[in-house]
Structure formats: structure tokens, C-alpha cells
Amino acid sequence: MSVTTVRLQAEVEQRLEAIASRLHRSKSWVINQALSEYIEKQQLEQERWKQTLEAMEAAAQGKVVDASEVHSWLNSWGTENEQDAPRSSK
């Protein structure tokens, strides 16, 4: 495990100490948990942005699904005749 030094604002340090105390954990443990969650969130947001750009490109190329097909598909959810997701015709 590596060591990284971080300068914390006094208020952040106080809040960190309070959380660590309440959880009966070290400040390092709390920081590791917080950073792990933050990094995971950033990776998810990056993946969503990539998917958004891909979707925008597909739409620009005319790869779209008619709204009535989407509505029909959504209305079929949970019924005996649930439909497959509609696909672009291009």
C-alpha cells in the first residue's frame, strides 16, 4: 500500500475525524472508502458520456426507432405478450 499526503481544510479534517470516530474506523479507512466511491462514480460517468456520444452519432446517422414502436414495447412490459426491444431499421 502506498502513502499519499493530502492537505485538508480545517473543517474537512474535523468532519473526517467525527465520521471516523462514529464508525470506529481510522481516518485513512474513511478516506480510502470515499476515494474508492468517488473513482467508481467518475468511471461510471465517463462510460455514460461515451454511450451518450455514441447514441448522438447513431442518431445523426439516422439510426433511430419510431416513438410508436417504443411506446408499444414499453406498454408490453409485464404482460404475457412482452415484446423485444425495437431496433433501428438502419
Protein backbone atom coordinates (compact mmCIF):
# COMPACT_ATOMS: atom_id res chain seq x y z
CA MET A 1 0.00 0.00 0.00
CA SER A 2 1.34 3.44 -0.84
CA VAL A 3 1.24 6.63 1.19
CA THR A 4 -0.10 9.92 -0.15
CA THR A 5 -0.12 13.18 1.75
CA VAL A 6 -3.18 15.39 1.49
CA ARG A 7 -3.72 18.86 2.90
CA LEU A 8 -7.22 19.19 4.34
CA GLN A 9 -9.13 22.30 5.23
CA ALA A 10 -9.72 22.51 8.99
CA GLU A 11 -13.47 21.98 8.60
CA VAL A 12 -12.95 18.91 6.41
CA GLU A 13 -10.47 17.49 8.92
CA GLN A 14 -12.95 17.97 11.77
CA ARG A 15 -15.76 16.31 9.83
CA LEU A 16 -13.44 13.47 8.82
CA GLU A 17 -12.44 12.87 12.44
CA ALA A 18 -16.11 12.88 13.51
CA ILE A 19 -17.04 10.31 10.85
CA ALA A 20 -14.06 8.09 11.68
CA SER A 21 -14.91 8.24 15.37
CA ARG A 22 -18.57 7.45 14.79
CA LEU A 23 -17.67 4.47 12.60
CA HIS A 24 -14.86 3.32 14.91
CA ARG A 25 -12.52 3.38 11.92
CA SER A 26 -9.33 5.23 11.08
CA LYS A 27 -9.30 8.41 9.05
CA SER A 28 -7.30 6.51 6.42
CA TRP A 29 -10.08 3.93 6.12
CA VAL A 30 -12.71 6.65 5.67
CA ILE A 31 -10.59 8.44 3.06
CA ASN A 32 -9.98 5.18 1.17
CA GLN A 33 -13.72 4.42 1.15
CA ALA A 34 -14.60 7.92 -0.01
CA LEU A 35 -12.00 7.93 -2.77
CA SER A 36 -12.98 4.46 -3.97
CA GLU A 37 -16.61 5.54 -4.26
CA TYR A 38 -15.63 8.79 -6.00
CA ILE A 39 -13.41 6.99 -8.51
CA GLU A 40 -16.13 4.45 -9.26
CA LYS A 41 -18.65 7.26 -9.79
CA GLN A 42 -16.26 9.06 -12.14
CA GLN A 43 -15.72 5.89 -14.17
CA LEU A 44 -19.48 5.36 -14.48
CA GLU A 45 -19.99 8.96 -15.58
CA GLN A 46 -17.22 8.60 -18.15
CA GLU A 47 -18.84 5.43 -19.53
CA ARG A 48 -22.26 7.14 -19.67
CA TRP A 49 -20.75 10.09 -21.52
CA LYS A 50 -19.16 7.70 -24.03
CA GLN A 51 -22.53 5.98 -24.54
CA THR A 52 -24.22 9.37 -24.96
CA LEU A 53 -21.75 10.39 -27.67
CA GLU A 54 -22.24 7.05 -29.43
CA ALA A 55 -26.02 7.48 -29.28
CA MET A 56 -25.78 11.01 -30.64
CA GLU A 57 -23.64 9.76 -33.52
CA ALA A 58 -26.10 6.96 -34.27
CA ALA A 59 -28.99 9.45 -34.28
CA ALA A 60 -27.04 11.74 -36.61
CA GLN A 61 -26.69 8.76 -38.97
CA GLY A 62 -30.44 8.21 -38.85
CA LYS A 63 -30.26 5.12 -36.66
CA VAL A 64 -33.43 5.84 -34.69
CA VAL A 65 -36.55 3.95 -33.58
CA ASP A 66 -40.03 5.35 -34.16
CA ALA A 67 -41.66 6.57 -30.94
CA SER A 68 -44.78 4.47 -31.51
CA GLU A 69 -42.64 1.32 -31.59
CA VAL A 70 -41.00 2.32 -28.30
CA HIS A 71 -44.39 3.05 -26.69
CA SER A 72 -45.77 -0.29 -27.87
CA TRP A 73 -42.74 -2.06 -26.45
CA LEU A 74 -42.98 -0.25 -23.09
CA ASN A 75 -46.71 -0.97 -22.86
CA SER A 76 -45.99 -4.67 -23.33
CA TRP A 77 -43.76 -4.85 -20.25
CA GLY A 78 -45.13 -7.17 -17.60
CA THR A 79 -47.74 -8.68 -19.92
CA GLU A 80 -47.96 -12.19 -21.36
CA ASN A 81 -47.02 -10.77 -24.76
CA GLU A 82 -43.95 -8.79 -23.75
CA GLN A 83 -42.17 -7.61 -26.89
CA ASP A 84 -38.47 -7.49 -27.67
CA ALA A 85 -36.86 -4.07 -27.68
CA PRO A 86 -37.35 -2.32 -31.01
CA ARG A 87 -34.31 -1.89 -33.19
CA SER A 88 -33.32 0.72 -35.72
CA SER A 89 -34.05 -0.19 -39.31
CA LYS A 90 -30.68 1.20 -40.47
